[in-house]
Amino acid sequence: MREERYDYTLEEEGRHWVRVIKRYEQGLADYVIAYYVRGEEGTNIEIATWDCKHGFAHRDLRYLEEGDKRRKVRFPEKPLLQHYADALEDVHRNWPRYFAEYCERKVRK
């Protein structure tokens, strides 16, 4: 199995970034997309992930509690490449909202 990894930033300051890991056999076999923010002390905080672990494609909002039904959202059945494309679109379109929700929850704690 061949693996491809790369990171890229979502905005000029480089504080918000994405890590993509793709695994290939005869075409795309698996993927992980993770959205991170650099914390005040230089630590990387994982905000959300998109992957196919557990045998199904889903998004996991890491800042929500384990029991929160919104934490892990299962996606409808589609070809793997479509799930991958949808996940990239989701992170690019919604990262500001995910970050705002993370900050709101952090303040409440």
N, C-alpha and C. Protein backbone atom coordinates (compact mmCIF):
# COMPACT_ATOMS: atom_id res chain seq x y z
N MET A 1 0.85 -1.18 0.00
CA MET A 1 0.00 0.00 0.00
C MET A 1 0.90 1.24 0.00
N ARG A 2 0.61 2.16 -0.88
CA ARG A 2 1.35 3.41 -0.98
C ARG A 2 0.60 4.49 -0.19
N GLU A 3 1.35 5.38 0.43
CA GLU A 3 0.75 6.44 1.24
C GLU A 3 1.29 7.80 0.81
N GLU A 4 0.43 8.77 0.78
CA GLU A 4 0.78 10.16 0.45
C GLU A 4 0.32 11.03 1.61
N ARG A 5 1.22 11.92 2.08
CA ARG A 5 0.90 12.84 3.19
C ARG A 5 1.32 14.25 2.80
N TYR A 6 0.49 15.21 3.17
CA TYR A 6 0.89 16.61 3.00
C TYR A 6 0.05 17.49 3.92
N ASP A 7 0.58 18.66 4.22
CA ASP A 7 -0.09 19.67 5.04
C ASP A 7 -0.21 20.95 4.22
N TYR A 8 -1.23 21.74 4.51
CA TYR A 8 -1.34 23.07 3.91
C TYR A 8 -2.15 23.97 4.84
N THR A 9 -1.91 25.26 4.71
CA THR A 9 -2.60 26.23 5.57
C THR A 9 -3.91 26.67 4.93
N LEU A 10 -4.82 27.14 5.79
CA LEU A 10 -6.13 27.61 5.34
C LEU A 10 -6.21 29.13 5.27
N GLU A 11 -5.23 29.82 5.83
CA GLU A 11 -5.21 31.28 5.80
C GLU A 11 -3.77 31.76 5.87
N GLU A 12 -3.55 33.02 5.58
CA GLU A 12 -2.19 33.57 5.43
C GLU A 12 -1.31 33.41 6.66
N GLU A 13 -1.87 33.57 7.85
CA GLU A 13 -1.06 33.51 9.06
C GLU A 13 -0.53 32.11 9.34
N GLY A 14 -1.13 31.11 8.75
CA GLY A 14 -0.69 29.74 8.95
C GLY A 14 -1.11 29.13 10.27
N ARG A 15 -2.02 29.77 10.96
CA ARG A 15 -2.48 29.26 12.26
C ARG A 15 -3.46 28.10 12.09
N HIS A 16 -4.23 28.13 11.03
CA HIS A 16 -5.21 27.09 10.74
C HIS A 16 -4.67 26.26 9.57
N TRP A 17 -4.60 24.95 9.78
CA TRP A 17 -4.01 24.12 8.73
C TRP A 17 -4.66 22.75 8.67
N VAL A 18 -4.39 22.06 7.56
CA VAL A 18 -4.99 20.76 7.28
C VAL A 18 -3.88 19.75 6.99
N ARG A 19 -4.06 18.55 7.51
CA ARG A 19 -3.18 17.42 7.16
C ARG A 19 -4.03 16.43 6.38
N VAL A 20 -3.49 15.99 5.24
CA VAL A 20 -4.16 15.00 4.40
C VAL A 20 -3.28 13.77 4.32
N ILE A 21 -3.88 12.62 4.55
CA ILE A 21 -3.20 11.34 4.40
C ILE A 21 -4.07 10.48 3.49
N LYS A 22 -3.49 10.04 2.39
CA LYS A 22 -4.22 9.18 1.46
C LYS A 22 -3.44 7.89 1.29
N ARG A 23 -4.17 6.78 1.29
CA ARG A 23 -3.56 5.47 1.07
C ARG A 23 -4.15 4.88 -0.21
N TYR A 24 -3.26 4.33 -1.00
CA TYR A 24 -3.64 3.78 -2.30
C TYR A 24 -3.32 2.30 -2.39
N GLU A 25 -4.18 1.56 -3.04
CA GLU A 25 -3.89 0.20 -3.49
C GLU A 25 -4.02 0.26 -5.01
N GLN A 26 -5.15 -0.07 -5.54
CA GLN A 26 -5.44 0.17 -6.95
C GLN A 26 -6.44 1.31 -6.97
N GLY A 27 -5.96 2.51 -6.77
CA GLY A 27 -6.79 3.68 -6.57
C GLY A 27 -6.85 4.01 -5.10
N LEU A 28 -7.61 5.03 -4.75
CA LEU A 28 -7.73 5.47 -3.36
C LEU A 28 -8.38 4.37 -2.53
N ALA A 29 -7.71 3.97 -1.44
CA ALA A 29 -8.21 2.92 -0.56
C ALA A 29 -8.69 3.47 0.78
N ASP A 30 -8.12 4.60 1.21
CA ASP A 30 -8.45 5.17 2.51
C ASP A 30 -7.93 6.60 2.56
N TYR A 31 -8.51 7.41 3.43
CA TYR A 31 -8.03 8.78 3.62
C TYR A 31 -8.31 9.25 5.04
N VAL A 32 -7.53 10.24 5.46
CA VAL A 32 -7.77 10.98 6.69
C VAL A 32 -7.49 12.43 6.38
N ILE A 33 -8.44 13.29 6.72
CA ILE A 33 -8.25 14.73 6.60
C ILE A 33 -8.46 15.29 8.01
N ALA A 34 -7.51 16.05 8.49
CA ALA A 34 -7.60 16.60 9.85
C ALA A 34 -7.37 18.11 9.80
N TYR A 35 -8.25 18.85 10.46
CA TYR A 35 -8.13 20.31 10.57
C TYR A 35 -7.59 20.63 11.95
N TYR A 36 -6.52 21.42 11.98
CA TYR A 36 -5.85 21.81 13.22
C TYR A 36 -5.78 23.33 13.33
N VAL A 37 -5.62 23.79 14.57
CA VAL A 37 -5.29 25.19 14.84
C VAL A 37 -4.08 25.17 15.75
N ARG A 38 -3.18 26.12 15.53
CA ARG A 38 -2.02 26.25 16.42
C ARG A 38 -2.45 27.01 17.66
N GLY A 39 -2.24 26.40 18.81
CA GLY A 39 -2.61 27.01 20.07
C GLY A 39 -1.62 28.09 20.47
N GLU A 40 -1.93 28.76 21.55
CA GLU A 40 -1.11 29.88 22.03
C GLU A 40 0.31 29.46 22.38
N GLU A 41 0.48 28.24 22.82
CA GLU A 41 1.81 27.76 23.21
C GLU A 41 2.50 26.99 22.09
N GLY A 42 2.00 27.12 20.87
CA GLY A 42 2.60 26.43 19.74
C GLY A 42 2.14 25.01 19.56
N THR A 43 1.21 24.56 20.40
CA THR A 43 0.69 23.21 20.26
C THR A 43 -0.32 23.15 19.12
N ASN A 44 -0.47 22.00 18.52
CA ASN A 44 -1.47 21.81 17.47
C ASN A 44 -2.70 21.16 18.08
N ILE A 45 -3.84 21.80 17.91
CA ILE A 45 -5.10 21.33 18.47
C ILE A 45 -5.95 20.78 17.33
N GLU A 46 -6.30 19.50 17.41
CA GLU A 46 -7.13 18.88 16.38
C GLU A 46 -8.58 19.30 16.60
N ILE A 47 -9.16 19.95 15.61
CA ILE A 47 -10.52 20.46 15.71
C ILE A 47 -11.52 19.47 15.09
N ALA A 48 -11.20 18.95 13.92
CA ALA A 48 -12.12 18.04 13.23
C ALA A 48 -11.34 17.08 12.33
N THR A 49 -11.92 15.90 12.13
CA THR A 49 -11.34 14.93 11.21
C THR A 49 -12.43 14.37 10.31
N TRP A 50 -12.01 13.96 9.14
CA TRP A 50 -12.86 13.28 8.18
C TRP A 50 -12.11 12.01 7.80
N ASP A 51 -12.75 10.86 7.92
CA ASP A 51 -12.07 9.62 7.57
C ASP A 51 -13.08 8.49 7.39
N CYS A 52 -12.54 7.28 7.16
CA CYS A 52 -13.38 6.10 6.94
C CYS A 52 -13.12 5.03 8.00
N LYS A 53 -12.57 5.43 9.11
CA LYS A 53 -12.36 4.47 10.19
C LYS A 53 -13.72 3.96 10.67
N HIS A 54 -13.74 2.86 11.33
CA HIS A 54 -14.95 2.22 11.83
C HIS A 54 -15.81 1.65 10.70
N GLY A 55 -15.26 1.61 9.47
CA GLY A 55 -15.98 1.01 8.35
C GLY A 55 -16.96 1.91 7.64
N PHE A 56 -16.97 3.21 7.95
CA PHE A 56 -17.87 4.14 7.25
C PHE A 56 -17.25 5.53 7.24
N ALA A 57 -17.63 6.31 6.22
CA ALA A 57 -17.13 7.69 6.10
C ALA A 57 -17.88 8.58 7.09
N HIS A 58 -17.12 9.44 7.77
CA HIS A 58 -17.74 10.32 8.76
C HIS A 58 -16.84 11.52 9.08
N ARG A 59 -17.46 12.50 9.74
CA ARG A 59 -16.74 13.67 10.27
C ARG A 59 -16.83 13.58 11.78
N ASP A 60 -15.73 13.90 12.43
CA ASP A 60 -15.67 13.85 13.89
C ASP A 60 -15.24 15.23 14.39
N LEU A 61 -16.14 15.93 15.08
CA LEU A 61 -15.82 17.24 15.65
C LEU A 61 -15.21 16.98 17.03
N ARG A 62 -13.91 17.07 17.12
CA ARG A 62 -13.15 16.65 18.29
C ARG A 62 -13.42 17.49 19.54
N TYR A 63 -13.94 18.68 19.39
CA TYR A 63 -14.17 19.56 20.54
C TYR A 63 -15.48 19.25 21.26
N LEU A 64 -16.31 18.40 20.68
CA LEU A 64 -17.57 18.03 21.32
C LEU A 64 -17.35 16.82 22.21
N GLU A 65 -18.16 16.69 23.24
CA GLU A 65 -18.07 15.56 24.17
C GLU A 65 -18.43 14.27 23.45
N GLU A 66 -17.90 13.17 23.93
CA GLU A 66 -18.14 11.86 23.32
C GLU A 66 -19.64 11.54 23.19
N GLY A 67 -20.45 11.91 24.14
CA GLY A 67 -21.88 11.59 24.11
C GLY A 67 -22.71 12.50 23.22
N ASP A 68 -22.13 13.58 22.72
CA ASP A 68 -22.86 14.53 21.88
C ASP A 68 -23.11 13.90 20.51
N LYS A 69 -24.37 13.81 20.10
CA LYS A 69 -24.72 13.17 18.83
C LYS A 69 -24.16 13.91 17.62
N ARG A 70 -23.81 15.18 17.77
CA ARG A 70 -23.25 15.94 16.66
C ARG A 70 -21.76 15.68 16.48
N ARG A 71 -21.12 15.02 17.44
CA ARG A 71 -19.67 14.80 17.37
C ARG A 71 -19.29 13.99 16.14
N LYS A 72 -19.90 12.85 15.95
CA LYS A 72 -19.56 11.98 14.83
C LYS A 72 -20.76 11.92 13.89
N VAL A 73 -20.58 12.47 12.69
CA VAL A 73 -21.65 12.49 11.69
C VAL A 73 -21.29 11.51 10.59
N ARG A 74 -22.12 10.52 10.45
CA ARG A 74 -21.93 9.49 9.42
C ARG A 74 -22.47 10.02 8.09
N PHE A 75 -21.70 9.81 7.02
CA PHE A 75 -22.12 10.27 5.70
C PHE A 75 -22.85 9.16 4.94
N PRO A 76 -23.76 9.54 4.06
CA PRO A 76 -24.47 8.53 3.26
C PRO A 76 -23.49 7.75 2.37
N GLU A 77 -23.90 6.57 1.95
CA GLU A 77 -23.08 5.74 1.08
C GLU A 77 -22.81 6.46 -0.25
N LYS A 78 -21.53 6.52 -0.61
CA LYS A 78 -21.07 7.10 -1.88
C LYS A 78 -19.74 6.45 -2.21
N PRO A 79 -19.27 6.62 -3.43
CA PRO A 79 -17.92 6.14 -3.74
C PRO A 79 -16.89 6.88 -2.89
N LEU A 80 -15.79 6.21 -2.57
CA LEU A 80 -14.76 6.76 -1.70
C LEU A 80 -14.22 8.09 -2.21
N LEU A 81 -13.98 8.20 -3.52
CA LEU A 81 -13.47 9.46 -4.07
C LEU A 81 -14.44 10.61 -3.84
N GLN A 82 -15.74 10.35 -3.88
CA GLN A 82 -16.72 11.40 -3.62
C GLN A 82 -16.70 11.81 -2.16
N HIS A 83 -16.56 10.84 -1.26
CA HIS A 83 -16.43 11.17 0.17
C HIS A 83 -15.20 12.05 0.40
N TYR A 84 -14.10 11.70 -0.23
CA TYR A 84 -12.87 12.48 -0.10
C TYR A 84 -13.09 13.91 -0.59
N ALA A 85 -13.68 14.07 -1.76
CA ALA A 85 -13.94 15.41 -2.32
C ALA A 85 -14.89 16.20 -1.41
N ASP A 86 -15.93 15.54 -0.91
CA ASP A 86 -16.88 16.20 -0.02
C ASP A 86 -16.21 16.65 1.28
N ALA A 87 -15.30 15.82 1.80
CA ALA A 87 -14.59 16.17 3.03
C ALA A 87 -13.71 17.39 2.83
N LEU A 88 -13.00 17.45 1.71
CA LEU A 88 -12.18 18.63 1.43
C LEU A 88 -13.03 19.88 1.29
N GLU A 89 -14.17 19.75 0.63
CA GLU A 89 -15.08 20.89 0.49
C GLU A 89 -15.60 21.34 1.86
N ASP A 90 -15.94 20.38 2.71
CA ASP A 90 -16.44 20.70 4.04
C ASP A 90 -15.41 21.47 4.86
N VAL A 91 -14.18 21.00 4.89
CA VAL A 91 -13.16 21.70 5.68
C VAL A 91 -12.92 23.11 5.14
N HIS A 92 -12.89 23.28 3.83
CA HIS A 92 -12.64 24.60 3.26
C HIS A 92 -13.82 25.55 3.47
N ARG A 93 -15.00 25.04 3.41
CA ARG A 93 -16.19 25.89 3.55
C ARG A 93 -16.48 26.21 5.02
N ASN A 94 -16.24 25.25 5.92
CA ASN A 94 -16.75 25.37 7.28
C ASN A 94 -15.72 25.53 8.38
N TRP A 95 -14.42 25.57 8.07
CA TRP A 95 -13.44 25.66 9.15
C TRP A 95 -13.66 26.88 10.04
N PRO A 96 -14.07 28.06 9.53
CA PRO A 96 -14.30 29.18 10.45
C PRO A 96 -15.41 28.88 11.47
N ARG A 97 -16.45 28.19 11.04
CA ARG A 97 -17.54 27.83 11.95
C ARG A 97 -17.07 26.81 12.99
N TYR A 98 -16.31 25.81 12.55
CA TYR A 98 -15.80 24.82 13.50
C TYR A 98 -14.89 25.48 14.53
N PHE A 99 -14.05 26.41 14.07
CA PHE A 99 -13.16 27.10 15.00
C PHE A 99 -13.95 27.95 15.99
N ALA A 100 -14.97 28.66 15.51
CA ALA A 100 -15.81 29.49 16.39
C ALA A 100 -16.51 28.61 17.44
N GLU A 101 -17.03 27.47 17.03
CA GLU A 101 -17.68 26.56 17.98
C GLU A 101 -16.67 26.04 19.00
N TYR A 102 -15.47 25.71 18.55
CA TYR A 102 -14.41 25.25 19.46
C TYR A 102 -14.11 26.34 20.50
N CYS A 103 -13.95 27.59 20.04
CA CYS A 103 -13.64 28.70 20.96
C CYS A 103 -14.77 28.92 21.94
N GLU A 104 -16.00 28.85 21.48
CA GLU A 104 -17.17 29.02 22.34
C GLU A 104 -17.20 27.96 23.43
N ARG A 105 -16.94 26.73 23.08
CA ARG A 105 -16.93 25.64 24.07
C ARG A 105 -15.77 25.79 25.04
N LYS A 106 -14.63 26.24 24.55
CA LYS A 106 -13.46 26.43 25.38
C LYS A 106 -13.72 27.50 26.44
N VAL A 107 -14.41 28.57 26.07
CA VAL A 107 -14.73 29.66 26.99
C VAL A 107 -15.71 29.18 28.06
N ARG A 108 -16.67 28.32 27.68
CA ARG A 108 -17.67 27.82 28.63
C ARG A 108 -17.08 26.91 29.69
N LYS A 109 -15.98 26.24 29.38
CA LYS A 109 -15.41 25.27 30.34
C LYS A 109 -14.71 25.93 31.47
